[in-house]
Amino acid sequence: MGLSIRAENQIHERIARVFDDSAASIMSFCEAGENSSVRRGVFKYGDTMFNSLQIRRLLDEIEAVPYSERSPALHELAEAGYLAIRRRGYLFFLGD
């Protein structure tokens, strides 16, 4: 199954559909980050939650990847991140 991602608002209501990173492109992106990057904090086999400040850093890291090199799942992650920020919410990464 791989990693699943969902966005929630500030009272933890789901605001975007849950999507799966079945091709592991998001996990590859996370594992390729520098040790100081926020994306390195995503656990492959556990759950990770990012707040709005961490999401902003994650989006900066996504934006550093050339647009044409981003996987469809990475584009979807960025959209979910922007939605979560607008709703003062969170991104949840649900590992296997």
N, C-alpha and C. Protein backbone atom coordinates (compact mmCIF):
# COMPACT_ATOMS: atom_id res chain seq x y z
N MET A 1 0.82 -1.20 0.00
CA MET A 1 0.00 0.00 0.00
C MET A 1 0.85 1.24 0.00
N GLY A 2 1.87 1.33 0.80
CA GLY A 2 2.71 2.52 0.84
C GLY A 2 2.16 3.58 1.77
N LEU A 3 2.60 4.77 1.56
CA LEU A 3 2.22 5.92 2.38
C LEU A 3 0.86 6.45 1.96
N SER A 4 0.02 6.82 2.92
CA SER A 4 -1.24 7.51 2.64
C SER A 4 -1.13 8.91 3.24
N ILE A 5 -1.74 9.88 2.58
CA ILE A 5 -1.66 11.26 3.02
C ILE A 5 -3.08 11.83 3.09
N ARG A 6 -3.34 12.59 4.15
CA ARG A 6 -4.63 13.28 4.26
C ARG A 6 -4.38 14.67 4.83
N ALA A 7 -5.26 15.59 4.49
CA ALA A 7 -5.23 16.95 5.02
C ALA A 7 -6.43 17.13 5.92
N GLU A 8 -6.21 17.82 7.05
CA GLU A 8 -7.28 18.10 7.99
C GLU A 8 -7.24 19.57 8.37
N ASN A 9 -8.40 20.11 8.77
CA ASN A 9 -8.45 21.49 9.24
C ASN A 9 -8.01 21.55 10.71
N GLN A 10 -8.15 22.74 11.31
CA GLN A 10 -7.63 22.91 12.67
C GLN A 10 -8.38 22.14 13.74
N ILE A 11 -9.58 21.67 13.43
CA ILE A 11 -10.29 20.83 14.40
C ILE A 11 -10.31 19.36 13.94
N HIS A 12 -9.36 19.04 13.09
CA HIS A 12 -9.10 17.66 12.64
C HIS A 12 -10.22 17.03 11.82
N GLU A 13 -10.97 17.85 11.08
CA GLU A 13 -11.92 17.32 10.12
C GLU A 13 -11.19 17.17 8.79
N ARG A 14 -11.42 16.08 8.11
CA ARG A 14 -10.77 15.84 6.82
C ARG A 14 -11.24 16.90 5.82
N ILE A 15 -10.30 17.53 5.12
CA ILE A 15 -10.64 18.58 4.15
C ILE A 15 -10.21 18.21 2.74
N ALA A 16 -9.52 17.12 2.59
CA ALA A 16 -9.12 16.64 1.26
C ALA A 16 -9.19 15.12 1.29
N ARG A 17 -9.41 14.56 0.13
CA ARG A 17 -9.48 13.10 0.08
C ARG A 17 -8.14 12.50 0.46
N VAL A 18 -8.19 11.35 1.03
CA VAL A 18 -6.97 10.61 1.35
C VAL A 18 -6.43 10.05 0.04
N PHE A 19 -5.13 10.18 -0.17
CA PHE A 19 -4.56 9.57 -1.36
C PHE A 19 -3.34 8.76 -0.96
N ASP A 20 -3.07 7.75 -1.77
CA ASP A 20 -1.96 6.84 -1.50
C ASP A 20 -0.79 7.13 -2.44
N ASP A 21 0.37 6.94 -1.89
CA ASP A 21 1.61 7.07 -2.65
C ASP A 21 2.06 5.66 -3.04
N SER A 22 1.22 4.99 -3.85
CA SER A 22 1.48 3.60 -4.19
C SER A 22 2.78 3.42 -4.98
N ALA A 23 3.19 4.43 -5.72
CA ALA A 23 4.44 4.34 -6.48
C ALA A 23 5.65 4.72 -5.63
N ALA A 24 5.42 5.13 -4.40
CA ALA A 24 6.47 5.51 -3.45
C ALA A 24 7.26 6.72 -3.89
N SER A 25 6.69 7.56 -4.75
CA SER A 25 7.41 8.75 -5.20
C SER A 25 7.54 9.79 -4.08
N ILE A 26 6.54 9.91 -3.23
CA ILE A 26 6.64 10.87 -2.12
C ILE A 26 7.66 10.36 -1.11
N MET A 27 7.62 9.07 -0.81
CA MET A 27 8.59 8.52 0.14
C MET A 27 10.01 8.67 -0.41
N SER A 28 10.20 8.47 -1.70
CA SER A 28 11.52 8.67 -2.31
C SER A 28 11.96 10.13 -2.17
N PHE A 29 11.02 11.04 -2.40
CA PHE A 29 11.29 12.47 -2.23
C PHE A 29 11.71 12.77 -0.79
N CYS A 30 10.99 12.19 0.16
CA CYS A 30 11.29 12.43 1.58
C CYS A 30 12.66 11.87 1.96
N GLU A 31 12.94 10.66 1.52
CA GLU A 31 14.22 10.03 1.87
C GLU A 31 15.41 10.71 1.21
N ALA A 32 15.18 11.42 0.10
CA ALA A 32 16.27 12.09 -0.61
C ALA A 32 16.61 13.46 -0.01
N GLY A 33 15.82 13.90 0.95
CA GLY A 33 16.05 15.21 1.56
C GLY A 33 17.29 15.23 2.44
N GLU A 34 17.84 16.41 2.61
CA GLU A 34 18.98 16.58 3.51
C GLU A 34 18.52 16.31 4.94
N ASN A 35 19.46 16.01 5.80
CA ASN A 35 19.11 15.70 7.19
C ASN A 35 18.36 16.83 7.87
N SER A 36 18.61 18.06 7.47
CA SER A 36 17.96 19.21 8.08
C SER A 36 16.60 19.54 7.45
N SER A 37 16.22 18.82 6.41
CA SER A 37 14.95 19.10 5.74
C SER A 37 13.78 18.55 6.54
N VAL A 38 12.65 19.21 6.41
CA VAL A 38 11.45 18.78 7.13
C VAL A 38 10.95 17.44 6.59
N ARG A 39 11.13 17.21 5.31
CA ARG A 39 10.61 15.98 4.70
C ARG A 39 11.30 14.72 5.22
N ARG A 40 12.50 14.86 5.74
CA ARG A 40 13.19 13.70 6.30
C ARG A 40 12.50 13.18 7.56
N GLY A 41 11.59 13.96 8.12
CA GLY A 41 10.87 13.56 9.32
C GLY A 41 9.69 12.65 9.06
N VAL A 42 9.37 12.38 7.79
CA VAL A 42 8.25 11.50 7.47
C VAL A 42 8.68 10.06 7.68
N PHE A 43 7.94 9.35 8.51
CA PHE A 43 8.25 7.96 8.83
C PHE A 43 7.59 7.02 7.83
N LYS A 44 8.36 6.08 7.32
CA LYS A 44 7.85 5.12 6.35
C LYS A 44 6.90 4.11 6.98
N TYR A 45 7.15 3.75 8.22
CA TYR A 45 6.37 2.70 8.87
C TYR A 45 5.57 3.21 10.07
N GLY A 46 5.33 4.48 10.14
CA GLY A 46 4.57 5.05 11.24
C GLY A 46 3.79 6.25 10.75
N ASP A 47 3.23 7.00 11.67
CA ASP A 47 2.44 8.17 11.33
C ASP A 47 3.21 9.44 11.65
N THR A 48 3.05 10.43 10.78
CA THR A 48 3.72 11.72 10.94
C THR A 48 2.69 12.81 10.71
N MET A 49 2.71 13.85 11.54
CA MET A 49 1.81 14.99 11.36
C MET A 49 2.65 16.25 11.21
N PHE A 50 2.31 17.06 10.20
CA PHE A 50 2.95 18.36 10.01
C PHE A 50 1.92 19.45 10.30
N ASN A 51 2.35 20.46 11.05
CA ASN A 51 1.50 21.62 11.28
C ASN A 51 1.75 22.64 10.15
N SER A 52 1.08 23.77 10.21
CA SER A 52 1.16 24.74 9.12
C SER A 52 2.58 25.25 8.87
N LEU A 53 3.35 25.49 9.93
CA LEU A 53 4.73 25.95 9.73
C LEU A 53 5.57 24.88 9.04
N GLN A 54 5.41 23.65 9.44
CA GLN A 54 6.16 22.56 8.81
C GLN A 54 5.69 22.35 7.37
N ILE A 55 4.41 22.52 7.12
CA ILE A 55 3.88 22.38 5.76
C ILE A 55 4.50 23.44 4.86
N ARG A 56 4.63 24.67 5.36
CA ARG A 56 5.26 25.73 4.55
C ARG A 56 6.69 25.34 4.16
N ARG A 57 7.43 24.78 5.09
CA ARG A 57 8.80 24.34 4.77
C ARG A 57 8.77 23.20 3.76
N LEU A 58 7.82 22.28 3.93
CA LEU A 58 7.69 21.18 2.99
C LEU A 58 7.38 21.71 1.59
N LEU A 59 6.47 22.66 1.50
CA LEU A 59 6.12 23.23 0.19
C LEU A 59 7.31 23.92 -0.45
N ASP A 60 8.14 24.59 0.34
CA ASP A 60 9.38 25.19 -0.20
C ASP A 60 10.28 24.11 -0.79
N GLU A 61 10.35 22.98 -0.11
CA GLU A 61 11.18 21.88 -0.61
C GLU A 61 10.59 21.28 -1.89
N ILE A 62 9.28 21.19 -1.96
CA ILE A 62 8.64 20.70 -3.19
C ILE A 62 8.87 21.68 -4.33
N GLU A 63 8.74 22.97 -4.04
CA GLU A 63 8.92 23.99 -5.08
C GLU A 63 10.35 24.01 -5.62
N ALA A 64 11.31 23.50 -4.85
CA ALA A 64 12.70 23.45 -5.31
C ALA A 64 12.91 22.37 -6.38
N VAL A 65 11.97 21.44 -6.48
CA VAL A 65 12.04 20.41 -7.52
C VAL A 65 11.46 21.00 -8.80
N PRO A 66 12.17 20.89 -9.93
CA PRO A 66 11.60 21.42 -11.18
C PRO A 66 10.22 20.83 -11.44
N TYR A 67 9.31 21.66 -11.89
CA TYR A 67 7.91 21.28 -12.07
C TYR A 67 7.78 20.01 -12.91
N SER A 68 8.53 19.92 -13.97
CA SER A 68 8.42 18.78 -14.89
C SER A 68 8.94 17.48 -14.27
N GLU A 69 9.69 17.57 -13.18
CA GLU A 69 10.24 16.38 -12.53
C GLU A 69 9.40 15.90 -11.35
N ARG A 70 8.33 16.61 -11.04
CA ARG A 70 7.47 16.22 -9.92
C ARG A 70 6.50 15.13 -10.36
N SER A 71 6.36 14.13 -9.52
CA SER A 71 5.40 13.05 -9.81
C SER A 71 3.98 13.56 -9.59
N PRO A 72 2.99 12.87 -10.15
CA PRO A 72 1.60 13.26 -9.88
C PRO A 72 1.29 13.27 -8.37
N ALA A 73 1.83 12.33 -7.63
CA ALA A 73 1.60 12.29 -6.18
C ALA A 73 2.22 13.49 -5.49
N LEU A 74 3.36 13.95 -5.96
CA LEU A 74 4.00 15.13 -5.37
C LEU A 74 3.18 16.39 -5.66
N HIS A 75 2.61 16.46 -6.86
CA HIS A 75 1.70 17.58 -7.18
C HIS A 75 0.49 17.55 -6.25
N GLU A 76 -0.05 16.36 -6.04
CA GLU A 76 -1.22 16.22 -5.16
C GLU A 76 -0.88 16.57 -3.71
N LEU A 77 0.31 16.20 -3.29
CA LEU A 77 0.76 16.55 -1.94
C LEU A 77 0.84 18.06 -1.78
N ALA A 78 1.38 18.74 -2.79
CA ALA A 78 1.47 20.21 -2.73
C ALA A 78 0.08 20.83 -2.63
N GLU A 79 -0.86 20.34 -3.43
CA GLU A 79 -2.24 20.87 -3.38
C GLU A 79 -2.84 20.66 -2.00
N ALA A 80 -2.66 19.48 -1.43
CA ALA A 80 -3.18 19.20 -0.09
C ALA A 80 -2.51 20.10 0.94
N GLY A 81 -1.23 20.36 0.77
CA GLY A 81 -0.50 21.24 1.69
C GLY A 81 -1.04 22.66 1.65
N TYR A 82 -1.25 23.19 0.45
CA TYR A 82 -1.79 24.55 0.34
C TYR A 82 -3.19 24.63 0.94
N LEU A 83 -4.00 23.61 0.73
CA LEU A 83 -5.34 23.58 1.32
C LEU A 83 -5.27 23.55 2.84
N ALA A 84 -4.39 22.73 3.38
CA ALA A 84 -4.24 22.64 4.84
C ALA A 84 -3.80 23.98 5.43
N ILE A 85 -2.91 24.68 4.77
CA ILE A 85 -2.46 25.99 5.26
C ILE A 85 -3.62 26.97 5.25
N ARG A 86 -4.39 27.00 4.16
CA ARG A 86 -5.53 27.93 4.08
C ARG A 86 -6.54 27.68 5.18
N ARG A 87 -6.66 26.40 5.62
CA ARG A 87 -7.62 26.04 6.65
C ARG A 87 -6.98 25.92 8.03
N ARG A 88 -5.73 26.41 8.15
CA ARG A 88 -4.96 26.35 9.42
C ARG A 88 -4.91 24.93 9.97
N GLY A 89 -4.66 23.99 9.08
CA GLY A 89 -4.73 22.60 9.46
C GLY A 89 -3.41 21.86 9.45
N TYR A 90 -3.51 20.60 9.11
CA TYR A 90 -2.41 19.65 9.23
C TYR A 90 -2.34 18.73 8.04
N LEU A 91 -1.16 18.19 7.80
CA LEU A 91 -0.99 17.08 6.88
C LEU A 91 -0.60 15.86 7.69
N PHE A 92 -1.24 14.74 7.41
CA PHE A 92 -0.92 13.48 8.07
C PHE A 92 -0.37 12.51 7.04
N PHE A 93 0.75 11.91 7.39
CA PHE A 93 1.37 10.88 6.58
C PHE A 93 1.21 9.57 7.35
N LEU A 94 0.51 8.63 6.76
CA LEU A 94 0.20 7.38 7.43
C LEU A 94 1.01 6.26 6.80
N GLY A 95 2.02 5.80 7.51
CA GLY A 95 2.88 4.75 6.98
C GLY A 95 2.28 3.37 7.16
N ASP A 96 2.90 2.40 6.51
CA ASP A 96 2.45 1.00 6.60
C ASP A 96 2.60 0.47 8.00
